């Protein structure tokens, strides 16, 4: 932490080169706005990608992440451990994805957003093989899909995945085993 212009401690988050943003510490005197803004700058893109993988809809993914950070900001003063803000936001994003998927299941369809064809992101996402994998992952039951995304996309350990999903580490391992076992035949069938 470094002193700021007002003599207080300024919040300093690790840069992009730091592999572990979860261990970042918040200054006790940091305002909610400063802390949430710094966390947003460090985590938003990855969380939007996480939500996009879960939902398959970029606009909905951005909305879920925005809602999660808004909730963090609103409840910042009530966080028991402000060092756990990253866990709070990840859990909120995952819960937001679950809610969006439930709404879809009940017929409250969210509009599907297609990125402009000329963007680099659209070119990467349009790869047919990637689309097949994404369809197969989305066909998995929710818990299996969540465990796979948190493990292979965010590269989180079982303990952290269990904490985010609200289950035990053994349940995470079981869900991942079942998901990987189910993905093999689904991908063979698609090709």
Protein backbone atom coordinates (compact mmCIF):
# COMPACT_ATOMS: atom_id res chain seq x y z
CA UNK A 1 0.00 0.00 0.00
CA UNK A 2 1.19 3.44 -0.81
CA UNK A 3 0.20 6.74 0.79
CA UNK A 4 -2.20 8.83 -1.26
CA UNK A 5 -2.46 12.63 -1.53
CA UNK A 6 -4.69 12.88 1.53
CA UNK A 7 -2.21 11.02 3.75
CA UNK A 8 -4.28 7.83 3.85
CA UNK A 9 -3.37 4.44 2.44
CA UNK A 10 -4.17 4.01 -1.25
CA UNK A 11 -5.39 0.69 -2.54
CA UNK A 12 -2.85 -0.98 -4.78
CA UNK A 13 -3.86 -4.05 -6.77
CA UNK A 14 -1.31 -6.26 -8.50
CA UNK A 15 -0.80 -5.65 -12.22
CA UNK A 16 -1.71 -8.04 -15.02
CA UNK A 17 1.63 -9.81 -14.60
CA UNK A 18 0.65 -10.97 -11.10
CA UNK A 19 -0.90 -14.46 -11.34
CA UNK A 20 -2.89 -14.28 -8.08
CA UNK A 21 -5.33 -11.40 -7.71
CA UNK A 22 -7.25 -13.28 -5.02
CA UNK A 23 -4.58 -12.49 -2.44
CA UNK A 24 -4.78 -8.75 -3.05
CA UNK A 25 -5.37 -6.83 0.14
CA UNK A 26 -7.64 -3.84 0.53
CA UNK A 27 -6.51 -0.91 2.61
CA UNK A 28 -8.58 -0.45 5.73
CA UNK A 29 -9.17 3.21 4.91
CA UNK A 30 -9.94 2.70 1.22
CA UNK A 31 -13.34 3.90 0.15
CA UNK A 32 -15.80 1.46 -1.35
CA UNK A 33 -15.68 3.34 -4.63
CA UNK A 34 -11.88 3.15 -4.87
CA UNK A 35 -11.71 -0.50 -3.84
CA UNK A 36 -14.51 -1.67 -6.13
CA UNK A 37 -13.15 0.37 -9.03
CA UNK A 38 -9.72 -1.21 -8.63
CA UNK A 39 -11.20 -4.67 -8.35
CA UNK A 40 -13.35 -4.02 -11.43
CA UNK A 41 -10.32 -2.96 -13.45
CA UNK A 42 -8.44 -6.09 -12.40
CA UNK A 43 -11.22 -8.68 -12.71
CA UNK A 44 -14.03 -7.49 -15.01
CA UNK A 45 -12.74 -8.87 -18.32
CA UNK A 46 -12.12 -12.33 -16.89
CA UNK A 47 -15.50 -12.38 -15.17
CA UNK A 48 -17.28 -11.30 -18.35
CA UNK A 49 -15.56 -14.13 -20.17
CA UNK A 50 -16.59 -16.53 -17.42
CA UNK A 51 -20.20 -15.38 -17.66
CA UNK A 52 -20.09 -15.56 -21.47
CA UNK A 53 -18.97 -19.18 -21.30
CA UNK A 54 -21.83 -19.94 -18.92
CA UNK A 55 -24.50 -17.99 -20.84
CA UNK A 56 -23.36 -17.82 -24.47
CA UNK A 57 -24.63 -14.24 -24.64
CA UNK A 58 -22.17 -11.36 -24.35
CA UNK A 59 -24.70 -8.71 -23.40
CA UNK A 60 -26.18 -10.90 -20.68
CA UNK A 61 -22.66 -11.73 -19.45
CA UNK A 62 -21.80 -8.04 -19.18
CA UNK A 63 -25.06 -7.38 -17.34
CA UNK A 64 -24.40 -10.18 -14.85
CA UNK A 65 -20.90 -8.89 -14.10
CA UNK A 66 -22.12 -5.31 -13.78
CA UNK A 67 -24.83 -6.42 -11.36
CA UNK A 68 -22.26 -8.35 -9.31
CA UNK A 69 -19.99 -5.32 -8.95
CA UNK A 70 -22.94 -3.09 -8.14
CA UNK A 71 -23.93 -5.52 -5.40
CA UNK A 72 -20.37 -5.51 -4.07
CA UNK A 73 -20.37 -1.72 -4.00
CA UNK A 74 -23.73 -1.58 -2.22
CA UNK A 75 -22.65 -4.11 0.41
CA UNK A 76 -18.99 -3.09 0.76
CA UNK A 77 -19.41 -1.79 4.31
CA UNK A 78 -21.11 -5.04 5.35
CA UNK A 79 -18.37 -7.37 4.04
CA UNK A 80 -16.94 -9.26 6.98
CA UNK A 81 -13.62 -9.69 5.19
CA UNK A 82 -12.91 -7.16 2.45
CA UNK A 83 -9.96 -9.29 1.32
CA UNK A 84 -12.59 -11.78 0.14
CA UNK A 85 -14.20 -9.32 -2.28
CA UNK A 86 -12.98 -11.38 -5.26
CA UNK A 87 -14.80 -14.44 -3.88
CA UNK A 88 -17.93 -12.37 -3.35
CA UNK A 89 -17.89 -11.09 -6.94
CA UNK A 90 -17.13 -14.51 -8.47
CA UNK A 91 -19.94 -16.08 -6.47
CA UNK A 92 -22.28 -13.25 -7.47
CA UNK A 93 -21.41 -13.72 -11.14
CA UNK A 94 -22.00 -17.45 -10.90
CA UNK A 95 -25.33 -16.89 -9.13
CA UNK A 96 -26.30 -14.29 -11.72
CA UNK A 97 -25.58 -16.81 -14.48
CA UNK A 98 -27.72 -19.39 -12.71
CA UNK A 99 -30.58 -16.88 -12.49
CA UNK A 100 -30.27 -15.95 -16.17
CA UNK A 101 -30.29 -19.62 -17.16
CA UNK A 102 -33.37 -20.25 -15.01
CA UNK A 103 -35.14 -17.33 -16.67
CA UNK A 104 -34.37 -18.81 -20.05
CA UNK A 105 -35.73 -22.16 -18.96
CA UNK A 106 -39.00 -20.51 -17.94
CA UNK A 107 -39.41 -18.78 -21.27
CA UNK A 108 -38.17 -15.34 -20.30
CA UNK A 109 -35.69 -15.35 -23.13
CA UNK A 110 -32.80 -12.94 -23.10
CA UNK A 111 -31.90 -11.56 -26.50
CA UNK A 112 -28.95 -13.21 -28.15
CA UNK A 113 -26.19 -10.79 -28.95
CA UNK A 114 -23.93 -11.49 -31.90
CA UNK A 115 -20.70 -9.51 -31.94
CA UNK A 116 -20.00 -7.63 -35.17
CA UNK A 117 -18.47 -9.95 -37.78
CA UNK A 118 -15.46 -7.67 -38.30
CA UNK A 119 -14.11 -7.79 -34.73
CA UNK A 120 -11.16 -9.94 -33.74
CA UNK A 121 -13.19 -11.42 -30.90
CA UNK A 122 -15.91 -12.53 -33.32
CA UNK A 123 -13.33 -14.14 -35.59
CA UNK A 124 -11.95 -16.18 -32.70
CA UNK A 125 -15.39 -17.15 -31.37
CA UNK A 126 -16.67 -18.14 -34.79
CA UNK A 127 -14.28 -21.05 -35.02
CA UNK A 128 -16.55 -24.06 -35.60
CA UNK A 129 -14.60 -26.38 -33.35
CA UNK A 130 -14.86 -23.95 -30.44
CA UNK A 131 -18.58 -23.62 -31.02
CA UNK A 132 -19.00 -27.39 -30.86
CA UNK A 133 -17.14 -27.52 -27.56
CA UNK A 134 -19.23 -24.66 -26.20
CA UNK A 135 -22.46 -26.40 -27.22
CA UNK A 136 -21.31 -29.57 -25.51
CA UNK A 137 -20.33 -27.71 -22.33
CA UNK A 138 -23.69 -25.90 -22.27
CA UNK A 139 -25.49 -29.24 -22.62
CA UNK A 140 -23.98 -30.41 -19.31
CA UNK A 141 -25.98 -30.14 -16.10
CA UNK A 142 -25.43 -26.84 -14.27
CA UNK A 143 -23.16 -28.05 -11.48
CA UNK A 144 -20.92 -29.97 -13.88
CA UNK A 145 -20.71 -26.99 -16.25
CA UNK A 146 -19.88 -24.62 -13.40
CA UNK A 147 -17.16 -26.88 -12.03
CA UNK A 148 -15.53 -27.25 -15.47
CA UNK A 149 -15.59 -23.54 -16.21
CA UNK A 150 -14.19 -22.57 -12.82
CA UNK A 151 -11.45 -25.19 -13.07
CA UNK A 152 -10.37 -24.95 -16.68
CA UNK A 153 -11.19 -21.34 -17.46
CA UNK A 154 -10.23 -19.63 -14.20
CA UNK A 155 -7.76 -22.37 -13.21
CA UNK A 156 -9.06 -22.44 -9.65
CA UNK A 157 -8.23 -25.21 -7.16
CA UNK A 158 -10.94 -27.53 -5.84
CA UNK A 159 -11.14 -25.73 -2.47
CA UNK A 160 -11.87 -22.36 -4.08
CA UNK A 161 -14.34 -23.86 -6.56
CA UNK A 162 -16.15 -25.53 -3.67
CA UNK A 163 -16.28 -22.24 -1.79
CA UNK A 164 -17.69 -20.37 -4.80
CA UNK A 165 -20.24 -23.06 -5.65
CA UNK A 166 -21.23 -23.62 -2.02
CA UNK A 167 -20.41 -27.35 -2.07
CA UNK A 168 -17.70 -29.62 -0.69
CA UNK A 169 -14.42 -30.25 -2.57
CA UNK A 170 -15.39 -33.90 -3.09
CA UNK A 171 -18.57 -32.76 -4.83
CA UNK A 172 -16.46 -30.57 -7.13
CA UNK A 173 -14.20 -33.48 -8.05
CA UNK A 174 -17.19 -35.75 -8.63
CA UNK A 175 -18.95 -33.15 -10.81
CA UNK A 176 -15.81 -32.62 -12.89
CA UNK A 177 -15.27 -36.33 -13.35
CA UNK A 178 -18.85 -36.80 -14.55
CA UNK A 179 -18.62 -33.75 -16.83
CA UNK A 180 -15.43 -34.91 -18.50
CA UNK A 181 -16.85 -38.41 -18.89
CA UNK A 182 -19.98 -36.97 -20.55
CA UNK A 183 -18.10 -34.54 -22.81
CA UNK A 184 -16.14 -37.25 -24.63
CA UNK A 185 -19.12 -38.97 -26.27
CA UNK A 186 -20.88 -35.63 -26.91
CA UNK A 187 -17.89 -34.25 -28.80
CA UNK A 188 -17.44 -37.48 -30.78
CA UNK A 189 -21.11 -37.37 -31.71
CA UNK A 190 -20.78 -33.77 -32.96
CA UNK A 191 -17.80 -34.45 -35.18
